[in-house]
Amino acid sequence: MDQLLLDLKPFLPGLLTRPWLAQGDPTPKLCRVLERHLELYLRVRPPCRQRLQEEAQWLMVVEYVRALMQKRLVCRSGEERRQLAQQMLQDDQLFREIFHSLEGEGSAPEVNPLALLPVLAEFIHLKDPNMLTLEVSGLAAKYPDISEEHVSVLLEIRGDVSRDIKGAVLDLLEQSAPPLPVGYRPIFTDILVPPSTMAFCLPTAKCA
């Protein structure tokens, strides 16, 4: 997995940016890296082969969502929200085609990491911001390790959420945070949200 991440790293900064939104790049390059590594895994005997494939799948989704959390792209209109969600779904489909060999091989993990991308795309594309409280409730039910910081970034990426709605959504998340079920593999726990730069923070100055 360290080698896979090393090979993916040159292309990850291009994800979830405006050039990516317009052209879809660098997703095809990421897919080629994944395909090359999956071909190498075919030389490994089961069940180790399946474990390698599952970990590669998990790694790719974690890095994808980590790129989303960087807020490289904040929507300026409903059309951009639609485009962002659509491009995320297209990327998800490309990843699914690569990992199709996982289907039917052994037991499936408790949380399918690829299932996360369509859920996030739907959250971003939701047309009525007033429905976000209901949407975040479903999101927290599926992924109970999602934090207020993660949801706050998703709301900021939408670009259309008022302070009142954001407060209501985060309050609901705090009140309804379910415990992690037995056997659940946390995914958001692996995705740190970059600290926000506060407008009132002043640079450190040396005393004369």
C-alpha atoms as a PDB file:
ATOM      1  CA  MET A   1       0.000   0.000   0.000  1.00  0.00           C
ATOM      2  CA  ASP A   2       2.920   2.348   0.635  1.00  0.00           C
ATOM      3  CA  GLN A   3       4.136   1.785  -2.913  1.00  0.00           C
ATOM      4  CA  LEU A   4       0.638   2.256  -4.329  1.00  0.00           C
ATOM      5  CA  LEU A   5       0.258   5.550  -2.481  1.00  0.00           C
ATOM      6  CA  LEU A   6       3.673   6.660  -3.691  1.00  0.00           C
ATOM      7  CA  ASP A   7       2.632   6.012  -7.298  1.00  0.00           C
ATOM      8  CA  LEU A   8      -0.723   7.764  -6.840  1.00  0.00           C
ATOM      9  CA  LYS A   9       0.674  10.859  -5.112  1.00  0.00           C
ATOM     10  CA  PRO A  10       1.820  12.783  -8.237  1.00  0.00           C
ATOM     11  CA  PHE A  11      -1.783  12.844  -9.512  1.00  0.00           C
ATOM     12  CA  LEU A  12      -3.757  13.361  -6.293  1.00  0.00           C
ATOM     13  CA  PRO A  13      -3.298  17.177  -6.134  1.00  0.00           C
ATOM     14  CA  GLY A  14      -5.217  17.469  -9.408  1.00  0.00           C
ATOM     15  CA  LEU A  15      -8.357  15.856  -7.996  1.00  0.00           C
ATOM     16  CA  LEU A  16     -11.432  17.935  -7.165  1.00  0.00           C
ATOM     17  CA  THR A  17     -10.078  21.093  -8.824  1.00  0.00           C
ATOM     18  CA  ARG A  18     -11.544  23.285 -11.544  1.00  0.00           C
ATOM     19  CA  PRO A  19      -9.387  21.704 -14.292  1.00  0.00           C
ATOM     20  CA  TRP A  20     -10.599  18.295 -13.074  1.00  0.00           C
ATOM     21  CA  LEU A  21     -14.194  19.549 -13.210  1.00  0.00           C
ATOM     22  CA  ALA A  22     -13.730  20.709 -16.803  1.00  0.00           C
ATOM     23  CA  GLN A  23     -11.669  17.824 -18.186  1.00  0.00           C
ATOM     24  CA  GLY A  24     -11.912  14.892 -15.767  1.00  0.00           C
ATOM     25  CA  ASP A  25      -8.140  14.669 -15.467  1.00  0.00           C
ATOM     26  CA  PRO A  26      -6.250  13.171 -13.540  1.00  0.00           C
ATOM     27  CA  THR A  27      -8.742  10.345 -12.820  1.00  0.00           C
ATOM     28  CA  PRO A  28      -7.707   8.257 -15.881  1.00  0.00           C
ATOM     29  CA  LYS A  29      -4.070   8.442 -14.730  1.00  0.00           C
ATOM     30  CA  LEU A  30      -5.044   7.285 -11.249  1.00  0.00           C
ATOM     31  CA  CYS A  31      -6.949   4.408 -12.840  1.00  0.00           C
ATOM     32  CA  ARG A  32      -3.899   3.334 -14.827  1.00  0.00           C
ATOM     33  CA  VAL A  33      -1.824   3.241 -11.639  1.00  0.00           C
ATOM     34  CA  LEU A  34      -4.496   1.139  -9.935  1.00  0.00           C
ATOM     35  CA  GLU A  35      -4.722  -1.251 -12.871  1.00  0.00           C
ATOM     36  CA  ARG A  36      -0.960  -1.755 -12.874  1.00  0.00           C
ATOM     37  CA  HIS A  37      -0.927  -2.621  -9.178  1.00  0.00           C
ATOM     38  CA  LEU A  38      -3.958  -4.895  -9.429  1.00  0.00           C
ATOM     39  CA  GLU A  39      -2.218  -6.834 -12.189  1.00  0.00           C
ATOM     40  CA  LEU A  40       0.703  -7.393  -9.835  1.00  0.00           C
ATOM     41  CA  TYR A  41      -1.671  -8.609  -7.125  1.00  0.00           C
ATOM     42  CA  LEU A  42      -2.886 -11.354  -9.472  1.00  0.00           C
ATOM     43  CA  ARG A  43       0.425 -13.094  -8.859  1.00  0.00           C
ATOM     44  CA  VAL A  44      -0.466 -13.429  -5.175  1.00  0.00           C
ATOM     45  CA  ARG A  45      -2.473 -16.407  -3.967  1.00  0.00           C
ATOM     46  CA  PRO A  46      -5.872 -16.009  -2.291  1.00  0.00           C
ATOM     47  CA  PRO A  47      -6.826 -14.899   0.316  1.00  0.00           C
ATOM     48  CA  CYS A  48      -3.878 -12.491   0.350  1.00  0.00           C
ATOM     49  CA  ARG A  49      -4.800 -11.346  -3.164  1.00  0.00           C
ATOM     50  CA  GLN A  50      -8.294 -10.348  -2.060  1.00  0.00           C
ATOM     51  CA  ARG A  51      -6.887  -8.488   0.945  1.00  0.00           C
ATOM     52  CA  LEU A  52      -4.527  -6.508  -1.285  1.00  0.00           C
ATOM     53  CA  GLN A  53      -7.369  -5.624  -3.663  1.00  0.00           C
ATOM     54  CA  GLU A  54      -9.625  -4.518  -0.823  1.00  0.00           C
ATOM     55  CA  GLU A  55      -6.887  -2.397   0.757  1.00  0.00           C
ATOM     56  CA  ALA A  56      -6.138  -0.764  -2.598  1.00  0.00           C
ATOM     57  CA  GLN A  57      -9.823   0.046  -2.969  1.00  0.00           C
ATOM     58  CA  TRP A  58      -9.950   1.495   0.535  1.00  0.00           C
ATOM     59  CA  LEU A  59      -6.807   3.562  -0.038  1.00  0.00           C
ATOM     60  CA  MET A  60      -8.120   5.069  -3.273  1.00  0.00           C
ATOM     61  CA  VAL A  61     -11.420   6.148  -1.720  1.00  0.00           C
ATOM     62  CA  VAL A  62      -9.740   7.592   1.375  1.00  0.00           C
ATOM     63  CA  GLU A  63      -7.363   9.648  -0.783  1.00  0.00           C
ATOM     64  CA  TYR A  64     -10.249  10.794  -2.991  1.00  0.00           C
ATOM     65  CA  VAL A  65     -12.309  12.013  -0.035  1.00  0.00           C
ATOM     66  CA  ARG A  66      -9.194  13.542   1.519  1.00  0.00           C
ATOM     67  CA  ALA A  67      -8.805  15.585  -1.689  1.00  0.00           C
ATOM     68  CA  LEU A  68     -12.449  16.656  -1.393  1.00  0.00           C
ATOM     69  CA  MET A  69     -11.830  17.826   2.164  1.00  0.00           C
ATOM     70  CA  GLN A  70      -9.080  20.154   0.906  1.00  0.00           C
ATOM     71  CA  LYS A  71     -11.830  22.442  -0.502  1.00  0.00           C
ATOM     72  CA  ARG A  72      -9.940  22.973  -3.748  1.00  0.00           C
ATOM     73  CA  LEU A  73     -13.307  23.458  -5.411  1.00  0.00           C
ATOM     74  CA  VAL A  74     -16.174  25.452  -3.866  1.00  0.00           C
ATOM     75  CA  CYS A  75     -19.343  25.650  -5.943  1.00  0.00           C
ATOM     76  CA  ARG A  76     -20.588  29.043  -7.069  1.00  0.00           C
ATOM     77  CA  SER A  77     -23.960  27.969  -8.465  1.00  0.00           C
ATOM     78  CA  GLY A  78     -26.446  25.133  -8.674  1.00  0.00           C
ATOM     79  CA  GLU A  79     -25.011  24.208 -12.065  1.00  0.00           C
ATOM     80  CA  GLU A  80     -21.544  23.788 -10.572  1.00  0.00           C
ATOM     81  CA  ARG A  81     -22.982  21.591  -7.824  1.00  0.00           C
ATOM     82  CA  ARG A  82     -24.593  19.453 -10.508  1.00  0.00           C
ATOM     83  CA  GLN A  83     -21.336  19.248 -12.477  1.00  0.00           C
ATOM     84  CA  LEU A  84     -19.318  18.381  -9.377  1.00  0.00           C
ATOM     85  CA  ALA A  85     -21.702  15.599  -8.380  1.00  0.00           C
ATOM     86  CA  GLN A  86     -21.802  14.266 -11.938  1.00  0.00           C
ATOM     87  CA  GLN A  87     -18.019  14.178 -12.233  1.00  0.00           C
ATOM     88  CA  MET A  88     -17.734  12.401  -8.878  1.00  0.00           C
ATOM     89  CA  LEU A  89     -20.212   9.766 -10.087  1.00  0.00           C
ATOM     90  CA  GLN A  90     -18.210   9.319 -13.299  1.00  0.00           C
ATOM     91  CA  ASP A  91     -15.031   8.809 -11.277  1.00  0.00           C
ATOM     92  CA  ASP A  92     -16.856   6.327  -9.068  1.00  0.00           C
ATOM     93  CA  GLN A  93     -17.909   4.368 -12.130  1.00  0.00           C
ATOM     94  CA  LEU A  94     -14.326   4.243 -13.408  1.00  0.00           C
ATOM     95  CA  PHE A  95     -13.104   2.935 -10.058  1.00  0.00           C
ATOM     96  CA  ARG A  96     -15.887   0.348  -9.962  1.00  0.00           C
ATOM     97  CA  GLU A  97     -14.903  -0.956 -13.377  1.00  0.00           C
ATOM     98  CA  ILE A  98     -11.340  -1.439 -12.182  1.00  0.00           C
ATOM     99  CA  PHE A  99     -12.350  -3.212  -8.992  1.00  0.00           C
ATOM    100  CA  HIS A 100     -15.103  -5.326 -10.570  1.00  0.00           C
ATOM    101  CA  SER A 101     -12.971  -8.415  -9.930  1.00  0.00           C
ATOM    102  CA  LEU A 102     -13.657  -7.985  -6.208  1.00  0.00           C
ATOM    103  CA  GLU A 103     -17.317  -8.870  -6.663  1.00  0.00           C
ATOM    104  CA  GLY A 104     -18.116 -12.383  -5.652  1.00  0.00           C
ATOM    105  CA  GLU A 105     -14.674 -13.089  -4.180  1.00  0.00           C
ATOM    106  CA  GLY A 106     -14.984 -14.056  -0.542  1.00  0.00           C
ATOM    107  CA  SER A 107     -16.773 -11.997   2.050  1.00  0.00           C
ATOM    108  CA  ALA A 108     -17.463  -8.314   1.440  1.00  0.00           C
ATOM    109  CA  PRO A 109     -16.209  -5.747   3.949  1.00  0.00           C
ATOM    110  CA  GLU A 110     -18.692  -4.250   6.408  1.00  0.00           C
ATOM    111  CA  VAL A 111     -18.413  -0.917   4.596  1.00  0.00           C
ATOM    112  CA  ASN A 112     -17.888  -0.835   0.863  1.00  0.00           C
ATOM    113  CA  PRO A 113     -15.665   2.242   0.440  1.00  0.00           C
ATOM    114  CA  LEU A 114     -16.810   2.894  -3.133  1.00  0.00           C
ATOM    115  CA  ALA A 115     -20.380   3.278  -1.876  1.00  0.00           C
ATOM    116  CA  LEU A 116     -19.282   6.494  -0.168  1.00  0.00           C
ATOM    117  CA  LEU A 117     -18.652   8.535  -3.325  1.00  0.00           C
ATOM    118  CA  PRO A 118     -22.265   8.480  -4.636  1.00  0.00           C
ATOM    119  CA  VAL A 119     -23.512   9.382  -1.149  1.00  0.00           C
ATOM    120  CA  LEU A 120     -21.249  12.444  -1.026  1.00  0.00           C
ATOM    121  CA  ALA A 121     -22.192  13.391  -4.589  1.00  0.00           C
ATOM    122  CA  GLU A 122     -25.878  13.279  -3.646  1.00  0.00           C
ATOM    123  CA  PHE A 123     -25.218  15.445  -0.578  1.00  0.00           C
ATOM    124  CA  ILE A 124     -23.510  18.078  -2.734  1.00  0.00           C
ATOM    125  CA  HIS A 125     -26.130  17.970  -5.494  1.00  0.00           C
ATOM    126  CA  LEU A 126     -29.185  18.203  -3.208  1.00  0.00           C
ATOM    127  CA  LYS A 127     -31.197  21.107  -4.608  1.00  0.00           C
ATOM    128  CA  ASP A 128     -33.011  22.208  -1.443  1.00  0.00           C
ATOM    129  CA  PRO A 129     -30.619  23.237   1.365  1.00  0.00           C
ATOM    130  CA  ASN A 130     -33.494  22.893   3.842  1.00  0.00           C
ATOM    131  CA  MET A 131     -33.371  19.116   3.280  1.00  0.00           C
ATOM    132  CA  LEU A 132     -29.750  18.889   4.404  1.00  0.00           C
ATOM    133  CA  THR A 133     -30.681  18.034   7.989  1.00  0.00           C
ATOM    134  CA  LEU A 134     -32.450  14.912   6.735  1.00  0.00           C
ATOM    135  CA  GLU A 135     -29.566  14.142   4.374  1.00  0.00           C
ATOM    136  CA  VAL A 136     -26.902  14.426   7.067  1.00  0.00           C
ATOM    137  CA  SER A 137     -28.953  12.166   9.330  1.00  0.00           C
ATOM    138  CA  GLY A 138     -28.807   9.427   6.699  1.00  0.00           C
ATOM    139  CA  LEU A 139     -25.118  10.086   6.105  1.00  0.00           C
ATOM    140  CA  ALA A 140     -24.314   9.713   9.805  1.00  0.00           C
ATOM    141  CA  ALA A 141     -26.358   6.517   9.988  1.00  0.00           C
ATOM    142  CA  LYS A 142     -24.284   4.932   7.201  1.00  0.00           C
ATOM    143  CA  TYR A 143     -20.946   6.400   8.328  1.00  0.00           C
ATOM    144  CA  PRO A 144     -21.152   6.996  12.105  1.00  0.00           C
ATOM    145  CA  ASP A 145     -17.527   8.127  12.330  1.00  0.00           C
ATOM    146  CA  ILE A 146     -18.178  11.225  10.208  1.00  0.00           C
ATOM    147  CA  SER A 147     -17.412  14.334  12.250  1.00  0.00           C
ATOM    148  CA  GLU A 148     -18.772  17.869  12.416  1.00  0.00           C
ATOM    149  CA  GLU A 149     -15.588  19.018  10.667  1.00  0.00           C
ATOM    150  CA  HIS A 150     -16.234  16.704   7.701  1.00  0.00           C
ATOM    151  CA  VAL A 151     -19.854  17.820   7.367  1.00  0.00           C
ATOM    152  CA  SER A 152     -18.872  21.477   7.747  1.00  0.00           C
ATOM    153  CA  VAL A 153     -16.481  21.158   4.795  1.00  0.00           C
ATOM    154  CA  LEU A 154     -19.181  19.488   2.681  1.00  0.00           C
ATOM    155  CA  LEU A 155     -21.544  22.358   3.449  1.00  0.00           C
ATOM    156  CA  GLU A 156     -18.886  24.910   2.497  1.00  0.00           C
ATOM    157  CA  ILE A 157     -18.207  23.077  -0.777  1.00  0.00           C
ATOM    158  CA  ARG A 158     -21.893  23.419  -1.681  1.00  0.00           C
ATOM    159  CA  GLY A 159     -21.532  27.195  -1.450  1.00  0.00           C
ATOM    160  CA  ASP A 160     -25.248  27.850  -0.822  1.00  0.00           C
ATOM    161  CA  VAL A 161     -25.762  27.036   2.850  1.00  0.00           C
ATOM    162  CA  SER A 162     -26.761  29.845   5.213  1.00  0.00           C
ATOM    163  CA  ARG A 163     -25.310  30.131   8.688  1.00  0.00           C
ATOM    164  CA  ASP A 164     -28.657  29.148  10.243  1.00  0.00           C
ATOM    165  CA  ILE A 165     -28.970  25.972   8.176  1.00  0.00           C
ATOM    166  CA  LYS A 166     -25.345  25.064   8.819  1.00  0.00           C
ATOM    167  CA  GLY A 167     -25.893  25.476  12.554  1.00  0.00           C
ATOM    168  CA  ALA A 168     -29.032  23.324  12.466  1.00  0.00           C
ATOM    169  CA  VAL A 169     -27.262  20.590  10.497  1.00  0.00           C
ATOM    170  CA  LEU A 170     -24.268  20.482  12.842  1.00  0.00           C
ATOM    171  CA  ASP A 171     -26.505  20.544  15.925  1.00  0.00           C
ATOM    172  CA  LEU A 172     -28.452  17.575  14.581  1.00  0.00           C
ATOM    173  CA  LEU A 173     -25.233  15.696  13.861  1.00  0.00           C
ATOM    174  CA  GLU A 174     -23.984  16.313  17.400  1.00  0.00           C
ATOM    175  CA  GLN A 175     -27.251  15.179  18.987  1.00  0.00           C
ATOM    176  CA  SER A 176     -27.738  12.080  16.855  1.00  0.00           C
ATOM    177  CA  ALA A 177     -24.164  10.797  16.694  1.00  0.00           C
ATOM    178  CA  PRO A 178     -24.608   6.999  16.886  1.00  0.00           C
ATOM    179  CA  PRO A 179     -22.018   4.696  18.448  1.00  0.00           C
ATOM    180  CA  LEU A 180     -19.810   2.730  16.094  1.00  0.00           C
ATOM    181  CA  PRO A 181     -21.435  -0.662  15.458  1.00  0.00           C
ATOM    182  CA  VAL A 182     -19.510  -3.857  16.043  1.00  0.00           C
ATOM    183  CA  GLY A 183     -17.468  -4.786  12.968  1.00  0.00           C
ATOM    184  CA  TYR A 184     -17.697  -1.318  11.428  1.00  0.00           C
ATOM    185  CA  ARG A 185     -14.444  -0.162   9.856  1.00  0.00           C
ATOM    186  CA  PRO A 186     -14.135   3.614  10.264  1.00  0.00           C
ATOM    187  CA  ILE A 187     -13.321   5.463   7.069  1.00  0.00           C
ATOM    188  CA  PHE A 188     -13.658   9.145   8.001  1.00  0.00           C
ATOM    189  CA  THR A 189     -11.356   8.585  10.968  1.00  0.00           C
ATOM    190  CA  ASP A 190      -8.550   8.169   8.416  1.00  0.00           C
ATOM    191  CA  ILE A 191      -9.414  11.483   6.748  1.00  0.00           C
ATOM    192  CA  LEU A 192      -8.229  14.550   8.635  1.00  0.00           C
ATOM    193  CA  VAL A 193      -9.783  17.911   7.849  1.00  0.00           C
ATOM    194  CA  PRO A 194      -7.197  20.677   7.301  1.00  0.00           C
ATOM    195  CA  PRO A 195      -7.445  23.421   9.939  1.00  0.00           C
ATOM    196  CA  SER A 196      -9.251  26.538   8.776  1.00  0.00           C
ATOM    197  CA  THR A 197      -7.381  29.815   8.572  1.00  0.00           C
ATOM    198  CA  MET A 198      -9.301  32.200  10.793  1.00  0.00           C
ATOM    199  CA  ALA A 199      -9.714  35.730   9.487  1.00  0.00           C
ATOM    200  CA  PHE A 200      -8.972  37.263  12.876  1.00  0.00           C
ATOM    201  CA  CYS A 201      -5.669  35.444  13.371  1.00  0.00           C
ATOM    202  CA  LEU A 202      -2.672  37.732  13.163  1.00  0.00           C
ATOM    203  CA  PRO A 203       0.816  36.693  12.090  1.00  0.00           C
ATOM    204  CA  THR A 204       3.319  36.286  14.865  1.00  0.00           C
ATOM    205  CA  ALA A 205       5.556  39.331  15.195  1.00  0.00           C
ATOM    206  CA  LYS A 206       8.869  39.517  16.990  1.00  0.00           C
ATOM    207  CA  CYS A 207       9.213  42.053  19.775  1.00  0.00           C
ATOM    208  CA  ALA A 208      11.584  44.882  19.073  1.00  0.00           C
END
